[in-house]
Amino acid sequence: MTVSPLPFSGASAAGDAPRREGLTVFVRGLTVQAGIGVHDHELGRLQTLIIDVTLDLTPAPVERLSDTVNYETVARGALAIAAEGHVGLVETFAERLALACLEDGRVRRCSVRIEKPGALEGAAAAGCEVVLAR
């Protein structure tokens, strides 16, 4: 049995053109080495952070890289925060990264989730998620 595709006319059955309701850009599992932690044994050494960032953008046509947020911009933001020096809490790191992402006016909402593997014995990871929106 052969199934033929339905013809696409560019409009919905009701005759309305589709509208853009959302555009999400994300980075998952970005690994960053950072000076982080509040305990004495955490000072003066780097630890692994695993970062997920989700950006809800103003819906718009995307034809070129300049029409959206570049993944590399998100990664550079995380690396810049790590390069600034020791951060006490993953919550602080996450909020700084979310604020950096919101500097782009197209970003309406930013979620930053950070895991700190090895932070809690017996757990695969511990961490936080910060959500900021305009």
C-alpha atoms as a PDB file:
ATOM      1  CA  MET A   1       0.000   0.000   0.000  1.00  0.00           C
ATOM      2  CA  THR A   2       1.395   3.381  -0.994  1.00  0.00           C
ATOM      3  CA  VAL A   3       0.456   6.450   0.983  1.00  0.00           C
ATOM      4  CA  SER A   4       0.715   9.719  -0.839  1.00  0.00           C
ATOM      5  CA  PRO A   5       1.402  12.887   1.114  1.00  0.00           C
ATOM      6  CA  LEU A   6      -1.277  15.497   1.469  1.00  0.00           C
ATOM      7  CA  PRO A   7      -0.705  18.522  -0.709  1.00  0.00           C
ATOM      8  CA  PHE A   8       0.681  21.506   1.166  1.00  0.00           C
ATOM      9  CA  SER A   9      -0.885  24.784   0.243  1.00  0.00           C
ATOM     10  CA  GLY A  10       0.903  26.933   2.832  1.00  0.00           C
ATOM     11  CA  ALA A  11      -2.313  27.520   4.768  1.00  0.00           C
ATOM     12  CA  SER A  12      -4.147  25.533   7.399  1.00  0.00           C
ATOM     13  CA  ALA A  13      -7.482  23.841   6.775  1.00  0.00           C
ATOM     14  CA  ALA A  14      -9.230  26.919   8.148  1.00  0.00           C
ATOM     15  CA  GLY A  15      -7.421  29.081   5.602  1.00  0.00           C
ATOM     16  CA  ASP A  16      -5.265  30.867   8.167  1.00  0.00           C
ATOM     17  CA  ALA A  17      -1.541  31.151   7.577  1.00  0.00           C
ATOM     18  CA  PRO A  18       0.573  29.591  10.338  1.00  0.00           C
ATOM     19  CA  ARG A  19       1.956  32.017  12.884  1.00  0.00           C
ATOM     20  CA  ARG A  20       5.197  31.823  14.764  1.00  0.00           C
ATOM     21  CA  GLU A  21       4.505  31.211  18.431  1.00  0.00           C
ATOM     22  CA  GLY A  22       7.953  30.439  19.688  1.00  0.00           C
ATOM     23  CA  LEU A  23      11.613  29.998  18.961  1.00  0.00           C
ATOM     24  CA  THR A  24      13.819  28.142  21.409  1.00  0.00           C
ATOM     25  CA  VAL A  25      17.588  27.885  21.272  1.00  0.00           C
ATOM     26  CA  PHE A  26      19.349  25.538  23.659  1.00  0.00           C
ATOM     27  CA  VAL A  27      22.760  24.274  24.668  1.00  0.00           C
ATOM     28  CA  ARG A  28      22.847  20.967  26.543  1.00  0.00           C
ATOM     29  CA  GLY A  29      25.666  19.345  28.478  1.00  0.00           C
ATOM     30  CA  LEU A  30      28.220  22.139  28.134  1.00  0.00           C
ATOM     31  CA  THR A  31      31.165  21.128  30.320  1.00  0.00           C
ATOM     32  CA  VAL A  32      33.046  23.972  31.989  1.00  0.00           C
ATOM     33  CA  GLN A  33      35.898  23.828  34.481  1.00  0.00           C
ATOM     34  CA  ALA A  34      35.361  26.492  37.130  1.00  0.00           C
ATOM     35  CA  GLY A  35      36.548  27.533  40.545  1.00  0.00           C
ATOM     36  CA  ILE A  36      33.341  26.996  42.473  1.00  0.00           C
ATOM     37  CA  GLY A  37      32.234  26.111  45.966  1.00  0.00           C
ATOM     38  CA  VAL A  38      32.058  27.425  49.510  1.00  0.00           C
ATOM     39  CA  HIS A  39      33.982  24.694  51.330  1.00  0.00           C
ATOM     40  CA  ASP A  40      37.690  24.974  52.146  1.00  0.00           C
ATOM     41  CA  HIS A  41      38.544  21.906  50.056  1.00  0.00           C
ATOM     42  CA  GLU A  42      36.943  23.593  47.015  1.00  0.00           C
ATOM     43  CA  LEU A  43      39.073  26.700  47.106  1.00  0.00           C
ATOM     44  CA  GLY A  44      42.016  26.976  44.736  1.00  0.00           C
ATOM     45  CA  ARG A  45      40.928  24.178  42.414  1.00  0.00           C
ATOM     46  CA  LEU A  46      38.737  23.726  39.384  1.00  0.00           C
ATOM     47  CA  GLN A  47      35.615  21.599  39.351  1.00  0.00           C
ATOM     48  CA  THR A  48      33.427  20.373  36.525  1.00  0.00           C
ATOM     49  CA  LEU A  49      30.099  22.033  35.861  1.00  0.00           C
ATOM     50  CA  ILE A  50      27.622  20.643  33.349  1.00  0.00           C
ATOM     51  CA  ILE A  51      25.448  23.439  32.012  1.00  0.00           C
ATOM     52  CA  ASP A  52      22.151  23.412  30.138  1.00  0.00           C
ATOM     53  CA  VAL A  53      20.783  26.682  28.802  1.00  0.00           C
ATOM     54  CA  THR A  54      17.377  27.195  27.195  1.00  0.00           C
ATOM     55  CA  LEU A  55      16.540  30.520  25.581  1.00  0.00           C
ATOM     56  CA  ASP A  56      13.021  31.448  24.534  1.00  0.00           C
ATOM     57  CA  LEU A  57      13.383  34.034  21.801  1.00  0.00           C
ATOM     58  CA  THR A  58      10.960  36.454  20.240  1.00  0.00           C
ATOM     59  CA  PRO A  59       9.496  34.456  17.343  1.00  0.00           C
ATOM     60  CA  ALA A  60      10.896  35.712  14.053  1.00  0.00           C
ATOM     61  CA  PRO A  61      12.037  34.310  10.729  1.00  0.00           C
ATOM     62  CA  VAL A  62      15.538  32.835  10.874  1.00  0.00           C
ATOM     63  CA  GLU A  63      17.466  32.785   7.631  1.00  0.00           C
ATOM     64  CA  ARG A  64      20.952  33.744   8.837  1.00  0.00           C
ATOM     65  CA  LEU A  65      22.989  33.219  11.977  1.00  0.00           C
ATOM     66  CA  SER A  66      22.513  36.893  12.807  1.00  0.00           C
ATOM     67  CA  ASP A  67      18.752  36.259  13.058  1.00  0.00           C
ATOM     68  CA  THR A  68      19.166  34.089  16.147  1.00  0.00           C
ATOM     69  CA  VAL A  69      21.373  33.563  19.192  1.00  0.00           C
ATOM     70  CA  ASN A  70      24.560  31.705  18.355  1.00  0.00           C
ATOM     71  CA  TYR A  71      25.269  28.656  20.550  1.00  0.00           C
ATOM     72  CA  GLU A  72      28.877  29.811  20.767  1.00  0.00           C
ATOM     73  CA  THR A  73      27.742  33.042  22.428  1.00  0.00           C
ATOM     74  CA  VAL A  74      26.167  31.008  25.228  1.00  0.00           C
ATOM     75  CA  ALA A  75      29.330  28.913  25.638  1.00  0.00           C
ATOM     76  CA  ARG A  76      31.566  32.013  25.650  1.00  0.00           C
ATOM     77  CA  GLY A  77      29.359  33.539  28.350  1.00  0.00           C
ATOM     78  CA  ALA A  78      29.815  30.510  30.603  1.00  0.00           C
ATOM     79  CA  LEU A  79      33.565  30.410  29.995  1.00  0.00           C
ATOM     80  CA  ALA A  80      33.852  34.141  30.724  1.00  0.00           C
ATOM     81  CA  ILE A  81      32.151  33.724  34.093  1.00  0.00           C
ATOM     82  CA  ALA A  82      34.520  30.858  34.939  1.00  0.00           C
ATOM     83  CA  ALA A  83      37.500  33.001  33.870  1.00  0.00           C
ATOM     84  CA  GLU A  84      36.456  35.858  36.185  1.00  0.00           C
ATOM     85  CA  GLY A  85      37.497  33.781  39.190  1.00  0.00           C
ATOM     86  CA  HIS A  86      36.069  31.714  41.999  1.00  0.00           C
ATOM     87  CA  VAL A  87      32.280  31.693  42.436  1.00  0.00           C
ATOM     88  CA  GLY A  88      30.844  30.503  45.720  1.00  0.00           C
ATOM     89  CA  LEU A  89      27.565  28.987  44.582  1.00  0.00           C
ATOM     90  CA  VAL A  90      26.269  27.333  41.432  1.00  0.00           C
ATOM     91  CA  GLU A  91      23.150  29.458  41.894  1.00  0.00           C
ATOM     92  CA  THR A  92      25.280  32.594  41.536  1.00  0.00           C
ATOM     93  CA  PHE A  93      26.994  31.204  38.440  1.00  0.00           C
ATOM     94  CA  ALA A  94      23.628  30.278  36.897  1.00  0.00           C
ATOM     95  CA  GLU A  95      22.126  33.703  37.550  1.00  0.00           C
ATOM     96  CA  ARG A  96      25.160  35.474  36.063  1.00  0.00           C
ATOM     97  CA  LEU A  97      24.899  33.356  32.923  1.00  0.00           C
ATOM     98  CA  ALA A  98      21.149  33.948  32.631  1.00  0.00           C
ATOM     99  CA  LEU A  99      21.674  37.698  32.968  1.00  0.00           C
ATOM    100  CA  ALA A 100      24.372  37.577  30.293  1.00  0.00           C
ATOM    101  CA  CYS A 101      21.989  35.757  27.947  1.00  0.00           C
ATOM    102  CA  LEU A 102      19.240  38.316  28.597  1.00  0.00           C
ATOM    103  CA  GLU A 103      21.548  41.060  27.351  1.00  0.00           C
ATOM    104  CA  ASP A 104      20.361  40.008  23.887  1.00  0.00           C
ATOM    105  CA  GLY A 105      17.008  41.767  23.474  1.00  0.00           C
ATOM    106  CA  ARG A 106      15.540  38.848  21.518  1.00  0.00           C
ATOM    107  CA  VAL A 107      15.739  36.594  24.585  1.00  0.00           C
ATOM    108  CA  ARG A 108      12.407  36.673  26.439  1.00  0.00           C
ATOM    109  CA  ARG A 109      13.134  33.912  28.942  1.00  0.00           C
ATOM    110  CA  CYS A 110      16.303  32.130  29.964  1.00  0.00           C
ATOM    111  CA  SER A 111      16.672  28.923  31.923  1.00  0.00           C
ATOM    112  CA  VAL A 112      20.115  27.896  33.162  1.00  0.00           C
ATOM    113  CA  ARG A 113      20.530  24.495  34.794  1.00  0.00           C
ATOM    114  CA  ILE A 114      23.870  23.609  36.320  1.00  0.00           C
ATOM    115  CA  GLU A 115      24.944  20.222  37.619  1.00  0.00           C
ATOM    116  CA  LYS A 116      27.982  19.849  39.825  1.00  0.00           C
ATOM    117  CA  PRO A 117      28.982  16.169  39.598  1.00  0.00           C
ATOM    118  CA  GLY A 118      30.568  14.833  42.740  1.00  0.00           C
ATOM    119  CA  ALA A 119      29.082  17.540  44.949  1.00  0.00           C
ATOM    120  CA  LEU A 120      26.903  15.099  46.858  1.00  0.00           C
ATOM    121  CA  GLU A 121      28.060  11.607  47.686  1.00  0.00           C
ATOM    122  CA  GLY A 122      25.643   8.997  46.407  1.00  0.00           C
ATOM    123  CA  ALA A 123      24.066  11.301  43.823  1.00  0.00           C
ATOM    124  CA  ALA A 124      24.855  11.474  40.119  1.00  0.00           C
ATOM    125  CA  ALA A 125      24.831  15.245  40.429  1.00  0.00           C
ATOM    126  CA  ALA A 126      23.486  18.115  42.447  1.00  0.00           C
ATOM    127  CA  GLY A 127      22.859  21.629  41.229  1.00  0.00           C
ATOM    128  CA  CYS A 128      20.251  24.219  40.486  1.00  0.00           C
ATOM    129  CA  GLU A 129      18.112  25.787  37.827  1.00  0.00           C
ATOM    130  CA  VAL A 130      17.576  29.515  37.510  1.00  0.00           C
ATOM    131  CA  VAL A 131      14.869  30.986  35.301  1.00  0.00           C
ATOM    132  CA  LEU A 132      14.802  34.691  34.443  1.00  0.00           C
ATOM    133  CA  ALA A 133      12.326  36.409  32.127  1.00  0.00           C
ATOM    134  CA  ARG A 134      11.528  39.871  30.852  1.00  0.00           C
END
